[in-house]
N, C-alpha and C. Protein backbone atom coordinates (compact mmCIF):
# COMPACT_ATOMS: atom_id res chain seq x y z
N MET A 1 109.08 92.60 70.08
CA MET A 1 108.71 91.15 71.27
C MET A 1 109.95 90.34 71.45
N ARG A 2 110.18 90.51 72.63
CA ARG A 2 110.95 89.41 73.21
C ARG A 2 110.79 88.03 73.19
N ALA A 3 111.64 87.12 72.88
CA ALA A 3 111.39 85.84 72.59
C ALA A 3 111.79 84.96 73.95
N GLY A 4 112.29 85.65 74.78
CA GLY A 4 112.58 84.74 75.80
C GLY A 4 111.36 84.55 76.97
N VAL A 5 111.71 83.89 78.15
CA VAL A 5 110.76 83.80 79.05
C VAL A 5 110.35 84.90 79.64
N ARG A 6 109.14 84.82 80.46
CA ARG A 6 108.49 86.25 80.82
C ARG A 6 108.42 86.03 82.21
N TYR A 7 109.06 87.03 83.01
CA TYR A 7 109.25 87.48 84.42
C TYR A 7 108.62 88.34 84.96
N GLY A 8 107.93 88.15 86.10
CA GLY A 8 107.29 89.41 86.80
C GLY A 8 108.36 89.42 88.14
N ILE A 9 108.56 90.80 88.39
CA ILE A 9 109.29 91.18 89.91
C ILE A 9 108.37 91.80 90.82
N LEU A 10 108.17 91.25 91.85
CA LEU A 10 107.37 91.85 92.92
C LEU A 10 108.27 92.26 93.96
N GLY A 11 108.62 93.53 94.19
CA GLY A 11 109.66 94.04 95.21
C GLY A 11 108.74 94.63 96.32
N GLY A 12 109.55 94.62 97.55
CA GLY A 12 109.18 95.14 98.77
C GLY A 12 109.87 94.94 100.04
N THR A 13 109.45 95.38 101.03
CA THR A 13 110.08 95.12 102.26
C THR A 13 109.73 93.65 102.68
N PHE A 14 108.35 93.19 102.56
CA PHE A 14 107.95 92.07 103.04
C PHE A 14 108.17 91.88 104.46
N ASP A 15 107.71 92.84 105.41
CA ASP A 15 107.98 92.74 106.73
C ASP A 15 106.64 92.66 107.56
N PRO A 16 105.89 91.66 107.53
CA PRO A 16 106.25 90.38 106.90
C PRO A 16 105.57 90.32 105.61
N PRO A 17 105.82 89.07 104.89
CA PRO A 17 104.99 89.05 103.69
C PRO A 17 103.50 88.45 104.04
N HIS A 18 102.56 88.65 103.42
CA HIS A 18 101.18 88.14 103.72
C HIS A 18 100.19 87.58 102.22
N VAL A 19 99.10 87.45 102.77
CA VAL A 19 98.46 86.59 101.78
C VAL A 19 98.28 87.70 100.60
N GLY A 20 97.85 88.92 100.75
CA GLY A 20 97.90 90.09 99.64
C GLY A 20 98.92 89.89 98.63
N HIS A 21 100.11 89.81 99.24
CA HIS A 21 101.37 89.83 98.55
C HIS A 21 101.50 88.38 97.52
N LEU A 22 100.75 87.15 98.11
CA LEU A 22 100.82 86.08 97.37
C LEU A 22 99.60 86.00 96.29
N ALA A 23 98.56 86.80 96.61
CA ALA A 23 97.42 86.86 95.73
C ALA A 23 97.65 87.92 94.62
N LEU A 24 98.47 88.94 94.94
CA LEU A 24 98.85 89.49 93.81
C LEU A 24 99.93 89.10 92.64
N ALA A 25 100.86 88.40 93.12
CA ALA A 25 101.86 87.48 92.43
C ALA A 25 100.97 86.31 91.50
N GLN A 26 99.87 85.79 92.38
CA GLN A 26 99.52 84.81 91.80
C GLN A 26 98.64 85.53 90.53
N GLU A 27 97.77 86.51 90.71
CA GLU A 27 96.98 87.24 89.74
C GLU A 27 97.66 87.60 88.31
N ALA A 28 98.94 88.26 88.77
CA ALA A 28 100.15 88.52 87.60
C ALA A 28 100.58 87.50 86.85
N TYR A 29 100.71 86.39 87.43
CA TYR A 29 101.33 85.26 86.85
C TYR A 29 100.04 84.55 85.85
N ALA A 30 98.95 84.59 86.37
CA ALA A 30 98.02 84.13 85.35
C ALA A 30 97.44 84.78 84.28
N ARG A 31 97.14 86.00 84.70
CA ARG A 31 96.69 87.02 83.93
C ARG A 31 97.57 87.40 82.68
N LEU A 32 99.15 87.44 83.13
CA LEU A 32 100.14 87.76 82.04
C LEU A 32 100.80 86.88 81.59
N GLN A 33 100.20 85.49 81.86
CA GLN A 33 100.94 84.25 81.34
C GLN A 33 102.61 84.24 81.62
N LEU A 34 102.73 84.43 82.80
CA LEU A 34 104.31 84.65 83.29
C LEU A 34 104.83 83.27 83.39
N ASP A 35 106.27 82.96 83.34
CA ASP A 35 106.76 81.95 83.57
C ASP A 35 107.27 81.90 85.01
N ARG A 36 107.44 82.91 85.58
CA ARG A 36 107.59 82.92 86.99
C ARG A 36 107.53 84.06 87.57
N VAL A 37 106.89 84.49 88.87
CA VAL A 37 107.16 85.82 89.36
C VAL A 37 108.08 85.79 90.55
N TRP A 38 109.10 86.94 90.41
CA TRP A 38 110.17 86.59 91.55
C TRP A 38 109.92 87.51 92.59
N PHE A 39 110.08 87.32 93.70
CA PHE A 39 110.01 88.14 95.02
C PHE A 39 111.31 88.79 95.43
N ALA A 40 111.50 89.78 95.38
CA ALA A 40 112.82 90.63 95.68
C ALA A 40 112.70 91.36 96.78
N PRO A 41 112.95 90.80 97.96
CA PRO A 41 113.18 91.70 99.14
C PRO A 41 114.16 92.82 99.12
N ALA A 42 113.72 93.78 99.61
CA ALA A 42 114.76 95.01 99.56
C ALA A 42 115.64 94.85 100.97
N ALA A 43 116.95 95.32 100.65
CA ALA A 43 117.77 95.29 102.11
C ALA A 43 117.69 96.25 102.75
N SER A 44 117.71 97.65 101.89
CA SER A 44 117.62 98.86 102.56
C SER A 44 116.69 99.82 101.97
N PRO A 45 115.54 99.79 102.12
CA PRO A 45 114.56 100.32 101.08
C PRO A 45 114.91 101.94 101.40
N PRO A 46 115.00 102.81 100.19
CA PRO A 46 115.32 104.20 100.11
C PRO A 46 114.16 104.88 100.83
N HIS A 47 112.99 104.38 100.55
CA HIS A 47 111.64 105.37 100.90
C HIS A 47 111.28 104.87 102.38
N LYS A 48 112.16 104.08 103.04
CA LYS A 48 112.00 103.89 104.51
C LYS A 48 113.23 104.12 105.10
N ARG A 49 114.17 104.74 104.83
CA ARG A 49 115.32 105.24 105.41
C ARG A 49 115.13 105.67 106.51
N GLY A 50 115.54 105.30 107.78
CA GLY A 50 115.21 105.85 109.13
C GLY A 50 114.24 105.21 109.92
N LEU A 51 113.40 104.34 109.17
CA LEU A 51 112.41 103.62 109.77
C LEU A 51 112.62 102.56 110.17
N PRO A 52 112.17 101.65 111.46
CA PRO A 52 112.68 100.49 111.78
C PRO A 52 112.11 99.55 110.91
N ILE A 53 112.76 98.52 110.38
CA ILE A 53 112.47 97.29 109.66
C ILE A 53 113.25 96.25 110.27
N SER A 54 112.70 94.91 109.88
CA SER A 54 113.38 93.44 110.76
C SER A 54 114.60 93.36 109.94
N PRO A 55 115.56 92.72 110.37
CA PRO A 55 116.61 92.50 109.89
C PRO A 55 116.39 91.68 108.23
N ALA A 56 117.13 91.79 107.31
CA ALA A 56 117.01 91.28 106.04
C ALA A 56 117.10 89.87 106.03
N ALA A 57 117.86 89.19 106.97
CA ALA A 57 117.98 87.82 106.80
C ALA A 57 116.55 87.18 107.35
N ASP A 58 115.86 87.97 108.40
CA ASP A 58 114.48 87.39 108.84
C ASP A 58 113.54 87.54 107.64
N ARG A 59 113.24 88.60 106.94
CA ARG A 59 112.45 88.94 105.89
C ARG A 59 112.76 87.93 104.67
N ARG A 60 113.88 87.72 104.56
CA ARG A 60 114.25 86.55 103.39
C ARG A 60 113.68 85.38 103.77
N ALA A 61 113.93 84.75 105.13
CA ALA A 61 113.44 83.40 105.51
C ALA A 61 111.89 83.63 105.60
N MET A 62 111.18 84.65 105.84
CA MET A 62 109.85 84.38 105.72
C MET A 62 109.32 84.70 104.32
N VAL A 63 109.99 85.07 103.36
CA VAL A 63 109.52 85.00 101.79
C VAL A 63 109.59 83.50 101.63
N GLU A 64 111.03 83.16 101.94
CA GLU A 64 110.99 81.73 101.51
C GLU A 64 110.07 80.72 102.26
N LEU A 65 109.49 80.71 103.14
CA LEU A 65 108.64 80.02 103.86
C LEU A 65 107.33 80.25 103.14
N ALA A 66 106.99 81.79 102.68
CA ALA A 66 105.90 81.91 102.22
C ALA A 66 105.65 81.25 101.03
N ILE A 67 106.72 81.43 100.13
CA ILE A 67 106.53 80.68 98.60
C ILE A 67 106.86 79.39 98.68
N ALA A 68 107.45 78.68 99.54
CA ALA A 68 107.76 77.30 99.54
C ALA A 68 106.76 76.31 98.96
N GLY A 69 107.25 75.54 97.92
CA GLY A 69 106.26 74.56 97.36
C GLY A 69 105.62 75.04 96.18
N ASP A 70 105.84 76.17 95.80
CA ASP A 70 104.90 76.88 94.67
C ASP A 70 105.90 77.35 93.67
N GLU A 71 105.96 76.38 92.48
CA GLU A 71 106.84 76.50 91.46
C GLU A 71 106.59 77.80 90.66
N ARG A 72 105.58 78.50 91.06
CA ARG A 72 105.36 79.77 90.00
C ARG A 72 106.14 80.86 90.62
N PHE A 73 106.71 80.59 91.66
CA PHE A 73 107.14 81.83 92.64
C PHE A 73 108.75 81.34 92.95
N GLY A 74 109.57 82.53 93.07
CA GLY A 74 110.85 82.29 93.37
C GLY A 74 111.36 83.45 94.24
N LEU A 75 112.41 83.49 94.91
CA LEU A 75 113.32 84.30 95.85
C LEU A 75 114.23 84.97 94.95
N ASP A 76 114.45 86.17 94.65
CA ASP A 76 115.62 86.85 94.17
C ASP A 76 116.28 87.83 95.11
N THR A 77 117.45 87.48 95.19
CA THR A 77 118.10 88.55 96.34
C THR A 77 119.11 89.51 95.53
N VAL A 78 118.61 90.02 94.56
CA VAL A 78 119.31 90.93 93.82
C VAL A 78 119.47 92.32 94.76
N ASP A 79 118.52 92.63 95.59
CA ASP A 79 118.55 93.81 96.47
C ASP A 79 119.48 93.41 97.59
N LEU A 80 119.22 92.41 98.11
CA LEU A 80 119.78 91.78 99.48
C LEU A 80 121.08 91.69 99.40
N ASP A 81 121.67 91.42 97.98
CA ASP A 81 123.00 91.14 97.96
C ASP A 81 123.81 92.25 97.44
N TRP A 82 122.90 93.36 97.24
CA TRP A 82 123.52 94.75 97.11
C TRP A 82 123.84 95.72 98.22
N PRO A 83 125.19 96.10 98.41
CA PRO A 83 125.41 96.95 99.61
C PRO A 83 124.75 98.39 99.37
N GLY A 84 124.07 98.77 100.48
CA GLY A 84 123.25 100.19 100.68
C GLY A 84 122.02 100.12 99.89
N PRO A 85 121.48 101.36 99.94
CA PRO A 85 119.97 101.41 99.29
C PRO A 85 120.20 101.10 97.85
N ALA A 86 118.90 100.29 97.56
CA ALA A 86 118.78 99.99 96.21
C ALA A 86 117.74 100.58 95.41
N TYR A 87 117.96 101.18 94.51
CA TYR A 87 116.78 101.88 93.89
C TYR A 87 116.36 101.25 92.61
N THR A 88 115.20 101.24 92.27
CA THR A 88 114.42 100.45 91.13
C THR A 88 115.24 100.61 89.85
N VAL A 89 115.70 101.65 89.55
CA VAL A 89 116.31 101.82 88.18
C VAL A 89 117.42 100.96 88.38
N GLU A 90 118.40 100.85 89.10
CA GLU A 90 119.58 100.07 89.37
C GLU A 90 119.37 98.56 89.46
N THR A 91 118.22 98.32 90.30
CA THR A 91 117.97 96.78 90.49
C THR A 91 117.46 96.30 89.05
N LEU A 92 116.80 97.06 88.20
CA LEU A 92 116.45 96.57 86.57
C LEU A 92 117.60 96.47 85.92
N ALA A 93 118.51 97.50 86.14
CA ALA A 93 119.67 97.43 85.29
C ALA A 93 120.50 96.21 85.69
N ARG A 94 120.49 95.60 86.62
CA ARG A 94 121.22 94.61 87.12
C ARG A 94 120.45 93.20 86.65
N LEU A 95 119.22 93.35 87.11
CA LEU A 95 118.52 91.95 86.44
C LEU A 95 118.64 92.01 84.82
N ARG A 96 118.61 92.93 84.17
CA ARG A 96 118.84 92.97 82.70
C ARG A 96 120.06 92.20 82.51
N ALA A 97 121.08 92.83 83.10
CA ALA A 97 122.44 92.35 82.75
C ALA A 97 122.48 90.99 82.86
N ARG A 98 121.90 90.48 84.10
CA ARG A 98 122.16 89.01 84.36
C ARG A 98 120.99 88.14 83.37
N TRP A 99 120.03 88.60 83.19
CA TRP A 99 118.83 87.61 82.49
C TRP A 99 119.10 87.98 81.01
N GLY A 100 119.85 88.98 80.54
CA GLY A 100 119.95 89.19 78.83
C GLY A 100 118.91 89.77 78.19
N GLU A 101 119.17 90.09 77.05
CA GLU A 101 117.82 90.99 76.47
C GLU A 101 116.76 90.21 75.96
N THR A 102 116.57 89.05 75.84
CA THR A 102 115.66 88.27 75.44
C THR A 102 114.46 88.06 76.59
N VAL A 103 114.86 88.17 77.85
CA VAL A 103 113.83 87.98 78.99
C VAL A 103 112.80 89.10 78.92
N TRP A 104 111.63 88.99 79.10
CA TRP A 104 110.38 89.88 79.32
C TRP A 104 110.19 90.18 80.55
N ILE A 105 110.44 91.29 81.18
CA ILE A 105 110.48 91.77 82.29
C ILE A 105 109.34 92.52 82.75
N GLY A 106 108.37 92.17 83.68
CA GLY A 106 107.32 93.10 84.19
C GLY A 106 107.62 93.27 85.74
N PHE A 107 107.34 94.75 85.83
CA PHE A 107 107.49 95.14 87.43
C PHE A 107 106.13 95.29 87.76
N ILE A 108 105.93 94.44 89.10
CA ILE A 108 104.48 94.49 89.73
C ILE A 108 104.37 95.66 90.94
N VAL A 109 103.49 96.68 90.98
CA VAL A 109 103.44 97.51 91.88
C VAL A 109 101.92 97.65 92.29
N GLY A 110 101.73 98.17 93.21
CA GLY A 110 100.53 98.53 93.85
C GLY A 110 100.11 100.18 93.30
N TRP A 111 98.62 100.37 93.42
CA TRP A 111 98.27 101.53 92.69
C TRP A 111 99.07 102.84 93.38
N ASP A 112 99.30 102.80 94.50
CA ASP A 112 99.95 104.05 95.49
C ASP A 112 101.42 104.27 94.93
N MET A 113 102.05 103.00 94.66
CA MET A 113 103.43 102.97 94.15
C MET A 113 103.40 103.58 92.75
N LEU A 114 102.33 103.15 91.80
CA LEU A 114 102.22 103.64 90.33
C LEU A 114 102.22 105.20 90.57
N LEU A 115 101.42 105.72 91.48
CA LEU A 115 101.18 107.23 91.25
C LEU A 115 102.30 107.81 91.79
N SER A 116 103.41 107.22 92.56
CA SER A 116 104.35 108.03 93.04
C SER A 116 105.42 107.77 91.99
N LEU A 117 105.59 107.14 91.17
CA LEU A 117 106.43 106.68 89.91
C LEU A 117 107.47 108.03 89.53
N PRO A 118 106.79 109.09 89.24
CA PRO A 118 107.40 110.26 88.91
C PRO A 118 108.65 110.76 89.90
N THR A 119 108.50 110.37 91.07
CA THR A 119 109.11 110.48 92.03
C THR A 119 110.55 109.79 92.30
N TRP A 120 110.41 108.81 91.74
CA TRP A 120 111.61 107.74 91.95
C TRP A 120 112.66 108.36 91.40
N ARG A 121 113.80 107.74 91.58
CA ARG A 121 115.27 108.02 91.16
C ARG A 121 115.13 107.59 89.58
N GLU A 122 115.26 108.57 88.76
CA GLU A 122 115.34 108.30 87.40
C GLU A 122 114.03 107.45 86.59
N PRO A 123 112.99 108.20 86.92
CA PRO A 123 111.98 107.34 86.79
C PRO A 123 111.86 106.71 85.07
N ALA A 124 112.17 107.81 84.26
CA ALA A 124 112.04 107.37 82.74
C ALA A 124 113.00 106.39 82.44
N GLN A 125 114.09 106.34 83.12
CA GLN A 125 115.06 105.13 82.98
C GLN A 125 114.65 103.84 83.13
N ALA A 126 113.85 103.70 84.37
CA ALA A 126 113.26 102.73 85.01
C ALA A 126 112.25 102.28 84.09
N LEU A 127 111.36 103.13 83.66
CA LEU A 127 110.29 102.57 82.74
C LEU A 127 110.90 102.05 81.39
N ALA A 128 111.88 102.65 80.96
CA ALA A 128 112.35 102.10 79.65
C ALA A 128 113.00 100.92 79.85
N ALA A 129 113.43 100.35 81.03
CA ALA A 129 114.15 99.11 81.25
C ALA A 129 112.92 97.90 81.22
N LEU A 130 111.77 98.34 81.35
CA LEU A 130 110.81 97.31 81.69
C LEU A 130 109.96 97.12 80.18
N ASP A 131 109.27 96.16 80.01
CA ASP A 131 108.49 95.57 79.27
C ASP A 131 107.03 95.89 79.63
N ALA A 132 106.76 95.94 80.83
CA ALA A 132 105.42 96.15 81.39
C ALA A 132 105.67 96.74 82.70
N LEU A 133 104.64 97.68 83.06
CA LEU A 133 104.61 98.18 84.47
C LEU A 133 103.02 97.85 84.91
N ILE A 134 103.33 96.65 85.75
CA ILE A 134 101.83 95.99 86.09
C ILE A 134 101.44 96.43 87.50
N ALA A 135 100.26 97.19 87.25
CA ALA A 135 99.95 98.07 88.75
C ALA A 135 98.44 97.45 88.97
N ALA A 136 98.42 97.21 90.14
CA ALA A 136 97.16 96.55 90.99
C ALA A 136 96.54 97.67 91.66
N ARG A 137 95.43 97.79 91.72
CA ARG A 137 94.56 98.54 92.61
C ARG A 137 94.44 98.16 93.97
N ARG A 138 94.54 99.38 94.91
CA ARG A 138 94.57 98.58 96.04
C ARG A 138 93.23 99.52 96.87
N PRO A 139 92.78 98.74 97.82
CA PRO A 139 91.42 99.25 98.53
C PRO A 139 91.79 100.70 99.08
N GLY A 140 91.08 101.65 98.79
CA GLY A 140 91.12 102.87 99.37
C GLY A 140 92.09 103.88 98.67
N TYR A 141 92.67 103.47 97.35
CA TYR A 141 93.52 104.28 96.59
C TYR A 141 92.54 104.77 95.46
N THR A 142 92.08 104.13 94.77
CA THR A 142 91.49 104.60 93.66
C THR A 142 90.17 103.88 93.31
N GLN A 143 89.32 104.62 92.48
CA GLN A 143 87.92 103.88 91.95
C GLN A 143 88.32 103.53 90.40
N PRO A 144 87.73 102.51 89.71
CA PRO A 144 87.64 102.65 88.43
C PRO A 144 87.55 103.84 87.57
N GLU A 145 86.43 104.55 87.91
CA GLU A 145 86.00 105.45 87.31
C GLU A 145 86.98 106.75 87.28
N ASP A 146 87.79 106.64 88.32
CA ASP A 146 89.08 107.86 88.43
C ASP A 146 90.24 107.55 87.52
N ASP A 147 90.26 106.46 86.76
CA ASP A 147 91.36 105.82 86.33
C ASP A 147 91.85 107.12 84.92
N GLU A 148 90.83 107.23 84.15
CA GLU A 148 91.16 108.12 83.16
C GLU A 148 91.94 109.36 83.56
N GLU A 149 91.27 110.10 84.16
CA GLU A 149 91.85 111.54 84.88
C GLU A 149 93.31 111.14 85.46
N THR A 150 93.15 110.42 86.25
CA THR A 150 94.54 109.83 87.07
C THR A 150 95.82 109.37 86.06
N LEU A 151 95.39 108.63 85.28
CA LEU A 151 96.34 107.99 84.41
C LEU A 151 96.84 109.22 83.14
N ALA A 152 95.81 110.10 83.14
CA ALA A 152 96.27 111.22 82.18
C ALA A 152 97.26 112.06 82.73
N ASP A 153 96.97 112.43 84.17
CA ASP A 153 97.91 113.39 84.76
C ASP A 153 99.31 112.62 84.99
N LEU A 154 99.41 111.27 85.33
CA LEU A 154 100.56 110.57 85.30
C LEU A 154 101.32 110.58 84.26
N GLU A 155 100.60 110.49 82.65
CA GLU A 155 101.30 110.41 81.44
C GLU A 155 101.94 111.88 81.28
N ARG A 156 101.36 112.80 81.90
CA ARG A 156 101.87 114.18 81.60
C ARG A 156 103.27 114.34 82.36
N ARG A 157 103.32 113.75 83.50
CA ARG A 157 104.32 113.98 84.64
C ARG A 157 105.35 113.01 83.92
N LEU A 158 105.04 112.00 83.38
CA LEU A 158 106.09 110.98 82.80
C LEU A 158 105.58 110.37 81.47
N PRO A 159 105.73 111.19 80.56
CA PRO A 159 105.47 110.46 79.19
C PRO A 159 106.02 109.17 78.69
N GLY A 160 105.03 108.37 78.19
CA GLY A 160 105.31 106.94 77.60
C GLY A 160 104.90 106.09 78.78
N VAL A 161 104.26 106.41 80.01
CA VAL A 161 104.02 105.40 81.05
C VAL A 161 102.89 104.65 80.61
N ARG A 162 101.96 105.31 80.00
CA ARG A 162 100.62 104.40 79.67
C ARG A 162 101.01 103.46 78.53
N ALA A 163 102.01 103.51 77.77
CA ALA A 163 102.36 102.51 76.54
C ALA A 163 102.65 101.18 77.29
N ARG A 164 103.34 101.36 78.44
CA ARG A 164 103.97 100.06 79.12
C ARG A 164 103.15 99.63 80.29
N LEU A 165 101.86 100.28 80.63
CA LEU A 165 101.00 99.96 81.77
C LEU A 165 100.14 99.03 81.22
N GLU A 166 99.98 97.93 82.25
CA GLU A 166 99.13 96.99 82.31
C GLU A 166 98.59 97.06 83.72
N ILE A 167 97.28 97.26 83.75
CA ILE A 167 96.36 97.50 85.08
C ILE A 167 95.65 95.76 85.30
N LEU A 168 96.25 95.53 86.53
CA LEU A 168 95.71 94.25 87.01
C LEU A 168 94.70 94.28 87.64
N PRO A 169 93.53 93.59 87.51
CA PRO A 169 92.27 93.27 88.08
C PRO A 169 92.63 92.36 89.38
N ALA A 170 93.46 92.81 90.20
CA ALA A 170 93.68 91.80 91.30
C ALA A 170 92.60 91.84 92.37
N PRO A 171 92.28 90.92 93.21
CA PRO A 171 91.37 90.87 94.35
C PRO A 171 91.84 91.96 95.10
N GLN A 172 90.57 92.56 95.84
CA GLN A 172 91.06 93.72 96.67
C GLN A 172 91.30 93.15 98.10
N LEU A 173 92.26 92.71 98.69
CA LEU A 173 92.56 92.22 99.80
C LEU A 173 93.23 93.45 100.57
N ALA A 174 92.53 93.97 101.64
CA ALA A 174 93.05 95.14 102.27
C ALA A 174 93.70 94.58 103.66
N ILE A 175 95.03 94.23 103.25
CA ILE A 175 95.86 93.54 104.04
C ILE A 175 97.21 94.20 103.94
N SER A 176 97.71 94.74 105.00
CA SER A 176 99.18 95.35 105.03
C SER A 176 99.97 94.77 105.98
N SER A 177 101.26 95.00 105.66
CA SER A 177 102.25 94.33 106.62
C SER A 177 102.18 95.28 107.81
N SER A 178 102.06 96.26 107.81
CA SER A 178 101.94 97.20 109.08
C SER A 178 101.08 96.73 109.79
N GLU A 179 99.77 96.41 109.34
CA GLU A 179 98.56 95.95 109.89
C GLU A 179 99.13 94.66 110.86
N LEU A 180 99.54 93.82 109.99
CA LEU A 180 100.03 92.48 110.50
C LEU A 180 101.13 92.78 111.99
N ARG A 181 101.93 93.47 111.79
CA ARG A 181 102.94 93.95 112.65
C ARG A 181 102.05 94.65 114.06
N GLU A 182 101.24 95.54 113.64
CA GLU A 182 100.49 96.13 114.94
C GLU A 182 99.77 94.91 115.55
N ARG A 183 99.14 93.82 114.93
CA ARG A 183 98.21 92.66 115.55
C ARG A 183 99.16 91.91 116.48
N VAL A 184 100.45 91.51 115.76
CA VAL A 184 101.17 91.00 116.71
C VAL A 184 101.65 91.53 117.98
N ALA A 185 102.13 92.85 117.82
CA ALA A 185 102.25 93.76 118.80
C ALA A 185 101.20 93.93 119.88
N GLN A 186 99.87 93.57 119.57
CA GLN A 186 98.76 93.82 120.53
C GLN A 186 98.28 92.18 121.06
N GLY A 187 99.18 91.38 120.56
CA GLY A 187 98.72 89.96 120.81
C GLY A 187 97.61 89.29 120.27
N LEU A 188 97.34 90.00 118.82
CA LEU A 188 96.05 89.27 118.15
C LEU A 188 96.88 88.36 117.34
N PRO A 189 95.68 87.32 116.80
CA PRO A 189 96.10 86.35 115.78
C PRO A 189 96.16 87.01 114.30
N VAL A 190 97.15 86.58 113.68
CA VAL A 190 97.25 86.76 112.35
C VAL A 190 97.15 85.62 111.41
N ARG A 191 96.82 84.37 111.94
CA ARG A 191 96.53 83.23 110.99
C ARG A 191 95.68 83.56 110.20
N TYR A 192 95.94 83.01 108.97
CA TYR A 192 94.88 83.09 107.55
C TYR A 192 95.16 84.68 106.95
N LEU A 193 96.04 85.43 107.56
CA LEU A 193 96.41 86.67 106.73
C LEU A 193 97.77 86.50 106.32
N THR A 194 98.63 85.58 106.84
CA THR A 194 99.88 85.09 106.24
C THR A 194 100.02 83.53 106.55
N PRO A 195 100.87 83.04 105.78
CA PRO A 195 100.88 81.65 105.74
C PRO A 195 101.49 80.97 107.17
N ASP A 196 101.01 79.94 107.36
CA ASP A 196 101.33 79.26 108.61
C ASP A 196 102.79 79.15 108.94
N PRO A 197 103.64 78.81 107.99
CA PRO A 197 104.86 78.73 108.47
C PRO A 197 105.65 80.17 108.44
N VAL A 198 104.94 81.16 108.21
CA VAL A 198 105.44 82.61 108.51
C VAL A 198 105.03 82.79 109.88
N CYS A 199 103.75 82.44 110.21
CA CYS A 199 103.17 82.59 111.56
C CYS A 199 104.38 82.04 112.65
N THR A 200 104.69 80.86 112.30
CA THR A 200 105.44 80.04 113.16
C THR A 200 106.93 80.82 113.44
N TYR A 201 107.40 81.16 112.16
CA TYR A 201 108.71 81.86 112.20
C TYR A 201 108.67 82.97 113.10
N MET A 202 107.60 83.98 112.94
CA MET A 202 107.55 85.07 113.67
C MET A 202 107.36 84.83 114.89
N SER A 203 106.62 83.89 115.25
CA SER A 203 106.77 83.47 117.10
C SER A 203 108.05 83.23 117.53
N SER A 204 108.76 82.25 116.72
CA SER A 204 109.62 81.63 117.06
C SER A 204 110.83 82.79 117.45
N ARG A 205 111.17 83.82 116.56
CA ARG A 205 111.98 84.69 116.39
C ARG A 205 111.56 86.05 117.36
N GLY A 206 110.39 85.78 117.85
CA GLY A 206 109.97 87.10 118.71
C GLY A 206 109.52 88.20 117.87
N LEU A 207 109.25 88.16 116.49
CA LEU A 207 109.23 89.45 115.69
C LEU A 207 108.09 90.16 116.03
N TYR A 208 108.15 91.57 116.17
CA TYR A 208 106.94 92.59 116.32
C TYR A 208 106.54 92.43 117.58
N ARG A 209 106.87 91.75 118.35
CA ARG A 209 106.52 91.98 119.84
C ARG A 209 107.21 93.10 120.50
N PRO A 210 106.29 93.75 121.24
CA PRO A 210 107.18 94.80 122.31
C PRO A 210 108.10 94.55 122.92
N ALA A 211 109.10 95.46 123.08
CA ALA A 211 110.45 95.07 123.63
C ALA A 211 110.03 94.58 125.11
């Protein structure tokens, strides 16, 4: 058992961040008694290579605005400061080297990302670097009664995953960044789906509007 602080890491593109991200971070903070949840925007997500994403500076600014004033949350630029694609196994190694061996680290993922874990780069090493893999169900991906069969299959593909798995009963908010981008492109409002400062920033920068 690690004696240090307890940190949760929520990675993602955050293009843009929205209330679903905040609710997920809040639930992890409360239920797992974390000292802080760190939002870690990806600079060049390997799984989105070739797809258009907003500049890293804009996504960083939007995360800062989304979490401003909430001491439970912080911004970590571990991936933004890394040249080239950042794989989770490498990100975790850099965080462990920075924070030391006493810090408890939990990595927060959605259910779809959990199921894709065996396809990650060096998934066994990534799992071994964690104290907990915190997985939240997302609407449309699975039902509670399906868990046992799904997790048994995941364990067969990646032995040891269940020992580190924490299933988070987070609020089921069917909100996605892609939906927000589409709404902005269509001229539809996104207020109440993302914090007001993020709305203002998107508007001032002209993000997601048709060229």
